[in-house]
Amino acid sequence: MTAEPGVPGIGITGWGSYLPEGRLTNAELAARFGVDEEWIVQRTGIRERRVVGPGETTASLAVEAGRRALAQAGLRPDQISHLILASGTPEQLSPATSAFVQRELGTAGGAHDVNAECAGFAYGFVVAAGLMAIDPRPILLIGTDTHSLVVNPEDRDLGVLIGDGAGAVVLEPYDRSWLRSWDMGCDGSKVDSLRIPAGGSRMPASEATLREKLHYAQIKGNEIYLNAVRFTVGSVKRTLRSAQLAPQDIDHLLPHQANLRIVDSILEHSGVPRERLITNIEYYGNTGAASMPIALAEALDAGRIQRGDRVLFAAFGAGMVWLTALVEWGAGEPVGWES
């Protein structure tokens, strides 16, 4: 789809990220799983990860990232009209994690969660654009996950991938939307590819579910790899076609930082030049819904993204869900608003 002309647009005016201090290195994981450190790098592209420590939660990471984004945008929490929080590892089943974050930050207006797993930030971005069209006031969008808390310590396939963190952006109204085109989808027939079986209404918590370790994440690695590449490449092509652009017209590709092998395959099959890739997976691993805003914040702080650049967000996650969004950085001019 493409942005509608004449509708209040959306732009990014602040950003920030927060990574816990705890580090999990390949040396530690190699010793735990009986593999070589270089095997982990070749398989994932990851050398270390950040993981939460005592007292750190999905919400506490989100609060710190949100504070940094607000400070960078020069806004007070009470000037935010809505808080959108993307996560696949909620604070608890109820209430929404966004309520915990709203309490600590003191944002005004509403708050709600988006669970599109690792595609949550991208989903939240498009949701925010729709909200901005009917209520053009500042929105705080946060992606945050603590997957280290839901991974079986004996699970090598997931254990070498995951990390924890949070990233946030402040969105304000513009006379022209930075979001130029997007493609969003879900194939629910793939729900078993990556899941946490127990703890919800389908399989309530019990002594048996705890004993059988059904509250840990489970992954079918080959299925995830094949479907992530297939769905994402198709989504990239549809988004570019809608915008009437070729892969070479993209200045930056910012994918979900899942696994470097998956990202490499997406590059190969989509035709986007490799030098346009934004990635930080080597240092943080797969941080779920936080991976894209963390990488975006680092690229912006480094001055890599400039006004007029075309940035392609490409996300995928359990479900399976996917979303690709083309962003024209700095398009249009800010629009005045009242809190």
Protein backbone atom coordinates (compact mmCIF):
# COMPACT_ATOMS: atom_id res chain seq x y z
CA MET A 1 0.00 0.00 0.00
CA THR A 2 1.00 3.64 -0.41
CA ALA A 3 0.44 6.70 1.77
CA GLU A 4 -2.66 8.74 0.99
CA PRO A 5 -2.04 12.38 -0.05
CA GLY A 6 -3.66 15.07 2.06
CA VAL A 7 -3.71 12.91 5.21
CA PRO A 8 -1.61 14.07 8.22
CA GLY A 9 1.74 12.31 7.88
CA ILE A 10 4.21 10.84 10.30
CA GLY A 11 7.90 11.57 10.92
CA ILE A 12 10.55 10.53 13.45
CA THR A 13 11.87 13.31 15.68
CA GLY A 14 13.54 11.36 18.49
CA TRP A 15 15.15 8.01 19.07
CA GLY A 16 16.93 6.07 21.77
CA SER A 17 17.93 2.59 22.84
CA TYR A 18 18.83 0.75 26.01
CA LEU A 19 20.90 -2.43 26.36
CA PRO A 20 21.39 -4.21 29.67
CA GLU A 21 24.95 -4.38 30.95
CA GLY A 22 25.07 -8.17 31.15
CA ARG A 23 27.01 -9.81 28.30
CA LEU A 24 26.73 -13.38 27.03
CA THR A 25 29.71 -14.30 24.87
CA ASN A 26 30.28 -17.07 22.37
CA ALA A 27 32.92 -18.52 24.65
CA GLU A 28 30.33 -19.10 27.37
CA LEU A 29 27.83 -20.60 24.95
CA ALA A 30 30.48 -22.76 23.26
CA ALA A 31 31.35 -24.26 26.63
CA ARG A 32 27.67 -24.79 27.51
CA PHE A 33 26.70 -26.50 24.24
CA GLY A 34 29.98 -28.23 23.38
CA VAL A 35 30.54 -26.36 20.10
CA ASP A 36 33.28 -24.17 18.66
CA GLU A 37 33.02 -20.39 19.00
CA GLU A 38 33.60 -19.91 15.30
CA TRP A 39 30.76 -22.32 14.52
CA ILE A 40 28.40 -19.91 16.29
CA VAL A 41 29.71 -16.95 14.27
CA GLN A 42 29.40 -18.81 10.97
CA ARG A 43 25.89 -19.99 11.82
CA THR A 44 24.52 -16.72 13.17
CA GLY A 45 26.92 -13.81 12.63
CA ILE A 46 26.77 -13.13 16.38
CA ARG A 47 29.76 -12.74 18.73
CA GLU A 48 28.04 -11.55 21.92
CA ARG A 49 24.64 -10.60 23.31
CA ARG A 50 23.23 -8.42 26.07
CA VAL A 51 21.04 -10.13 28.68
CA VAL A 52 19.01 -8.81 31.59
CA GLY A 53 20.13 -9.17 35.19
CA PRO A 54 18.19 -9.30 38.48
CA GLY A 55 15.36 -6.78 38.59
CA GLU A 56 15.47 -5.99 34.87
CA THR A 57 12.30 -6.68 32.89
CA THR A 58 10.72 -6.02 29.51
CA ALA A 59 9.10 -2.89 30.90
CA SER A 60 12.19 -1.55 32.69
CA LEU A 61 14.21 -1.73 29.45
CA ALA A 62 11.38 0.01 27.60
CA VAL A 63 11.24 2.83 30.14
CA GLU A 64 14.93 3.66 29.69
CA ALA A 65 14.74 3.58 25.89
CA GLY A 66 11.60 5.72 25.98
CA ARG A 67 13.24 8.32 28.22
CA ARG A 68 16.17 8.64 25.83
CA ALA A 69 13.92 9.02 22.80
CA LEU A 70 11.84 11.70 24.54
CA ALA A 71 14.98 13.61 25.57
CA GLN A 72 16.34 13.45 22.03
CA ALA A 73 13.03 14.79 20.66
CA GLY A 74 12.89 17.52 23.31
CA LEU A 75 9.44 16.46 24.52
CA ARG A 76 7.97 15.88 27.96
CA PRO A 77 6.15 12.61 28.67
CA ASP A 78 2.87 14.48 29.15
CA GLN A 79 3.11 15.74 25.56
CA ILE A 80 2.77 12.19 24.22
CA SER A 81 -0.77 11.44 23.04
CA HIS A 82 -0.34 7.68 22.78
CA LEU A 83 2.17 4.98 23.75
CA ILE A 84 2.56 1.90 21.54
CA LEU A 85 4.67 -0.91 22.94
CA ALA A 86 5.81 -3.82 20.75
CA SER A 87 6.95 -7.01 22.48
CA GLY A 88 6.66 -10.78 22.36
CA THR A 89 7.80 -11.16 25.98
CA PRO A 90 5.25 -9.19 28.02
CA GLU A 91 5.70 -8.13 31.61
CA GLN A 92 2.83 -10.47 32.50
CA LEU A 93 -0.28 -11.80 30.77
CA SER A 94 -2.40 -8.91 32.07
CA PRO A 95 -2.43 -5.96 32.13
CA ALA A 96 -0.62 -4.83 29.00
CA THR A 97 3.10 -4.06 29.35
CA SER A 98 2.40 -0.58 27.98
CA ALA A 99 0.49 0.19 31.18
CA PHE A 100 3.58 -0.52 33.30
CA VAL A 101 5.69 1.68 31.02
CA GLN A 102 3.09 4.47 31.01
CA ARG A 103 3.08 4.44 34.80
CA GLU A 104 6.86 4.89 35.01
CA LEU A 105 7.22 7.42 32.18
CA GLY A 106 4.08 9.43 32.90
CA THR A 107 2.95 9.71 29.29
CA ALA A 108 -0.47 11.18 28.56
CA GLY A 109 -3.28 9.72 26.45
CA GLY A 110 -3.71 6.04 25.69
CA ALA A 111 -1.37 3.07 25.66
CA HIS A 112 -1.56 -0.35 24.07
CA ASP A 113 0.61 -3.36 23.19
CA VAL A 114 1.39 -4.84 19.77
CA ASN A 115 2.44 -8.49 19.70
CA ALA A 116 3.71 -9.26 16.22
CA GLU A 117 6.76 -10.85 17.84
CA CYS A 118 9.98 -9.78 16.10
CA ALA A 119 8.01 -7.72 13.55
CA GLY A 120 6.32 -5.78 16.34
CA PHE A 121 8.19 -2.49 15.90
CA ALA A 122 7.45 -2.37 12.17
CA TYR A 123 3.80 -3.25 12.81
CA GLY A 124 3.67 -0.54 15.45
CA PHE A 125 5.10 2.00 13.04
CA VAL A 126 2.31 1.44 10.51
CA VAL A 127 -0.30 1.41 13.30
CA ALA A 128 1.11 4.74 14.53
CA ALA A 129 0.83 6.21 11.03
CA GLY A 130 -2.86 5.32 10.98
CA LEU A 131 -3.41 6.82 14.42
CA MET A 132 -1.53 9.98 13.42
CA ALA A 133 -3.86 10.42 10.44
CA ILE A 134 -6.87 10.83 12.75
CA ASP A 135 -5.14 12.38 15.77
CA PRO A 136 -2.01 14.32 14.69
CA ARG A 137 -0.17 14.51 18.01
CA PRO A 138 3.11 12.92 19.24
CA ILE A 139 3.31 9.14 19.66
CA LEU A 140 5.95 7.13 21.51
CA LEU A 141 6.70 3.76 19.89
CA ILE A 142 8.89 1.28 21.79
CA GLY A 143 10.16 -2.17 20.83
CA THR A 144 11.37 -4.22 23.79
CA ASP A 145 12.06 -7.88 24.51
CA THR A 146 13.70 -10.14 27.09
CA HIS A 147 13.85 -13.42 25.19
CA SER A 148 16.68 -14.68 27.40
CA LEU A 149 14.03 -15.26 30.08
CA VAL A 150 11.90 -17.58 27.90
CA VAL A 151 14.61 -19.69 26.27
CA ASN A 152 15.43 -23.14 27.62
CA PRO A 153 19.07 -23.02 28.79
CA GLU A 154 19.54 -26.42 27.11
CA ASP A 155 18.26 -25.21 23.71
CA ARG A 156 21.31 -24.64 21.53
CA ASP A 157 19.41 -23.42 18.44
CA LEU A 158 17.72 -20.53 20.23
CA GLY A 159 20.36 -20.11 22.90
CA VAL A 160 23.02 -18.88 20.47
CA LEU A 161 20.64 -16.35 18.89
CA ILE A 162 18.81 -14.37 21.51
CA GLY A 163 19.62 -11.14 23.29
CA ASP A 164 17.69 -8.53 25.29
CA GLY A 165 17.17 -4.82 24.73
CA ALA A 166 14.82 -1.97 23.90
CA GLY A 167 14.63 0.77 21.29
CA ALA A 168 12.21 3.69 20.92
CA VAL A 169 11.21 6.46 18.55
CA VAL A 170 9.10 9.59 18.94
CA LEU A 171 6.72 10.22 16.05
CA GLU A 172 5.26 13.65 15.27
CA PRO A 173 2.88 14.96 12.56
CA TYR A 174 4.26 16.10 9.20
CA ASP A 175 2.56 17.60 6.18
CA ARG A 176 3.90 14.69 4.16
CA SER A 177 4.25 11.18 5.56
CA TRP A 178 7.70 9.64 5.76
CA LEU A 179 5.94 6.30 5.30
CA ARG A 180 5.67 6.02 1.52
CA SER A 181 4.56 2.41 0.99
CA TRP A 182 4.22 -0.83 2.93
CA ASP A 183 3.22 -4.47 2.75
CA MET A 184 1.84 -6.38 5.74
CA GLY A 185 0.84 -10.03 6.09
CA CYS A 186 0.43 -13.15 8.17
CA ASP A 187 0.33 -16.89 7.45
CA GLY A 188 -1.24 -18.50 10.50
CA SER A 189 -0.57 -22.00 9.16
CA LYS A 190 3.01 -21.48 10.41
CA VAL A 191 2.14 -20.86 14.07
CA ASP A 192 4.11 -23.91 15.21
CA SER A 193 7.40 -22.75 13.66
CA LEU A 194 8.24 -20.65 16.71
CA ARG A 195 6.06 -20.67 19.80
CA ILE A 196 5.73 -20.71 23.58
CA PRO A 197 3.03 -23.39 24.01
CA ALA A 198 1.96 -22.94 27.63
CA GLY A 199 0.74 -20.06 29.75
CA GLY A 200 -2.24 -18.86 27.69
CA SER A 201 -5.86 -19.99 27.38
CA ARG A 202 -4.94 -22.72 24.89
CA MET A 203 -2.70 -24.43 27.47
CA PRO A 204 -3.06 -22.87 30.93
CA ALA A 205 -0.14 -23.13 33.33
CA SER A 206 -0.06 -26.29 35.43
CA GLU A 207 2.40 -28.53 37.19
CA ALA A 208 2.53 -30.66 34.03
CA THR A 209 3.37 -27.72 31.73
CA LEU A 210 6.13 -26.64 34.09
CA ARG A 211 7.51 -30.15 34.35
CA GLU A 212 7.50 -30.56 30.57
CA LYS A 213 9.13 -27.13 30.10
CA LEU A 214 6.33 -25.87 27.87
CA HIS A 215 6.79 -22.29 29.05
CA TYR A 216 10.03 -22.07 27.10
CA ALA A 217 10.19 -20.99 23.46
CA GLN A 218 10.31 -23.76 20.85
CA ILE A 219 11.68 -23.31 17.33
CA LYS A 220 11.76 -25.27 14.09
CA GLY A 221 14.87 -23.67 12.69
CA ASN A 222 14.66 -24.81 9.07
CA GLU A 223 11.01 -23.76 8.78
CA ILE A 224 11.77 -20.33 10.21
CA TYR A 225 14.70 -19.85 7.87
CA LEU A 226 12.85 -20.83 4.70
CA ASN A 227 9.64 -18.95 5.49
CA ALA A 228 11.36 -15.82 6.80
CA VAL A 229 13.30 -15.51 3.57
CA ARG A 230 10.33 -16.37 1.33
CA PHE A 231 7.81 -14.07 2.98
CA THR A 232 10.22 -11.17 3.47
CA VAL A 233 11.58 -11.21 -0.07
CA GLY A 234 8.04 -11.25 -1.46
CA SER A 235 7.07 -8.39 0.83
CA VAL A 236 10.14 -6.32 -0.17
CA LYS A 237 9.29 -6.75 -3.85
CA ARG A 238 5.64 -5.76 -3.37
CA THR A 239 6.61 -2.67 -1.36
CA LEU A 240 9.11 -1.53 -3.97
CA ARG A 241 6.66 -2.20 -6.78
CA SER A 242 4.01 -0.12 -5.01
CA ALA A 243 6.52 2.75 -4.70
CA GLN A 244 7.67 2.26 -8.32
CA LEU A 245 11.26 1.76 -7.21
CA ALA A 246 13.99 -0.78 -7.97
CA PRO A 247 16.13 -2.48 -5.27
CA GLN A 248 19.07 -0.29 -6.30
CA ASP A 249 17.04 2.82 -5.44
CA ILE A 250 17.11 1.96 -1.74
CA ASP A 251 19.72 3.79 0.34
CA HIS A 252 19.42 1.59 3.44
CA LEU A 253 17.90 -1.79 4.20
CA LEU A 254 17.15 -2.17 7.91
CA PRO A 255 15.92 -5.72 8.56
CA HIS A 256 14.93 -7.48 11.73
CA GLN A 257 18.26 -8.62 13.17
CA ALA A 258 17.37 -12.31 13.42
CA ASN A 259 20.31 -14.22 12.04
CA LEU A 260 22.92 -13.06 9.54
CA ARG A 261 22.31 -16.08 7.32
CA ILE A 262 18.65 -15.11 6.95
CA VAL A 263 19.57 -11.48 6.28
CA ASP A 264 22.14 -12.52 3.66
CA SER A 265 19.53 -14.64 1.87
CA ILE A 266 17.05 -11.75 1.89
CA LEU A 267 19.69 -9.50 0.34
CA GLU A 268 20.57 -12.09 -2.30
CA HIS A 269 17.00 -12.77 -3.39
CA SER A 270 15.65 -9.22 -3.15
CA GLY A 271 18.48 -7.59 -5.10
CA VAL A 272 19.21 -4.83 -2.57
CA PRO A 273 22.99 -4.13 -2.67
CA ARG A 274 24.80 -5.45 0.39
CA GLU A 275 26.50 -2.12 1.12
CA ARG A 276 23.05 -0.69 1.88
CA LEU A 277 22.54 -3.08 4.82
CA ILE A 278 22.24 -1.75 8.38
CA THR A 279 23.09 -4.43 10.92
CA ASN A 280 24.43 -4.72 14.46
CA ILE A 281 23.63 -8.37 15.11
CA GLU A 282 27.30 -9.15 15.78
CA TYR A 283 27.15 -7.35 19.13
CA TYR A 284 23.56 -7.80 20.34
CA GLY A 285 22.13 -10.96 18.77
CA ASN A 286 18.42 -11.24 18.05
CA THR A 287 16.67 -8.78 20.38
CA GLY A 288 13.21 -9.44 18.97
CA ALA A 289 10.95 -6.39 18.58
CA ALA A 290 13.82 -4.23 19.87
CA SER A 291 16.26 -5.17 17.11
CA MET A 292 15.09 -2.69 14.47
CA PRO A 293 14.78 0.43 16.65
CA ILE A 294 18.14 -0.30 18.29
CA ALA A 295 19.84 -0.60 14.89
CA LEU A 296 17.99 2.50 13.66
CA ALA A 297 19.08 4.57 16.65
CA GLU A 298 22.71 3.54 16.22
CA ALA A 299 22.66 4.33 12.49
CA LEU A 300 21.18 7.77 13.18
CA ASP A 301 23.66 8.53 15.96
CA ALA A 302 26.47 7.58 13.58
CA GLY A 303 25.12 9.98 10.92
CA ARG A 304 24.62 7.19 8.44
CA ILE A 305 21.01 8.14 7.56
CA GLN A 306 20.52 11.57 6.03
CA ARG A 307 17.53 13.65 4.93
CA GLY A 308 16.12 12.34 1.67
CA ASP A 309 17.44 8.80 2.14
CA ARG A 310 15.12 5.92 1.37
CA VAL A 311 15.11 3.46 4.26
CA LEU A 312 13.46 0.07 3.85
CA PHE A 313 12.28 -1.64 7.04
CA ALA A 314 11.94 -5.42 6.55
CA ALA A 315 10.53 -7.40 9.46
CA PHE A 316 9.31 -10.93 10.10
CA GLY A 317 8.35 -12.89 13.18
CA ALA A 318 6.55 -15.83 14.72
CA GLY A 319 3.03 -16.34 13.49
CA MET A 320 4.34 -16.07 10.84
CA VAL A 321 3.97 -12.36 10.29
CA TRP A 322 5.85 -9.93 8.10
CA LEU A 323 5.92 -6.23 7.28
CA THR A 324 8.03 -4.17 4.91
CA ALA A 325 7.85 -0.39 5.01
CA LEU A 326 9.55 2.22 2.82
CA VAL A 327 10.45 5.39 4.72
CA GLU A 328 11.62 8.59 3.04
CA TRP A 329 13.76 10.16 5.73
CA GLY A 330 12.94 13.80 6.47
CA ALA A 331 10.10 14.10 3.96
CA GLY A 332 7.93 17.20 4.22
CA GLU A 333 7.80 19.65 7.10
CA PRO A 334 6.60 19.37 10.72
CA VAL A 335 3.01 20.30 11.49
CA GLY A 336 2.07 22.23 14.61
CA TRP A 337 0.10 20.40 17.28
CA GLU A 338 -1.42 20.99 20.71
CA SER A 339 -1.10 18.54 23.58
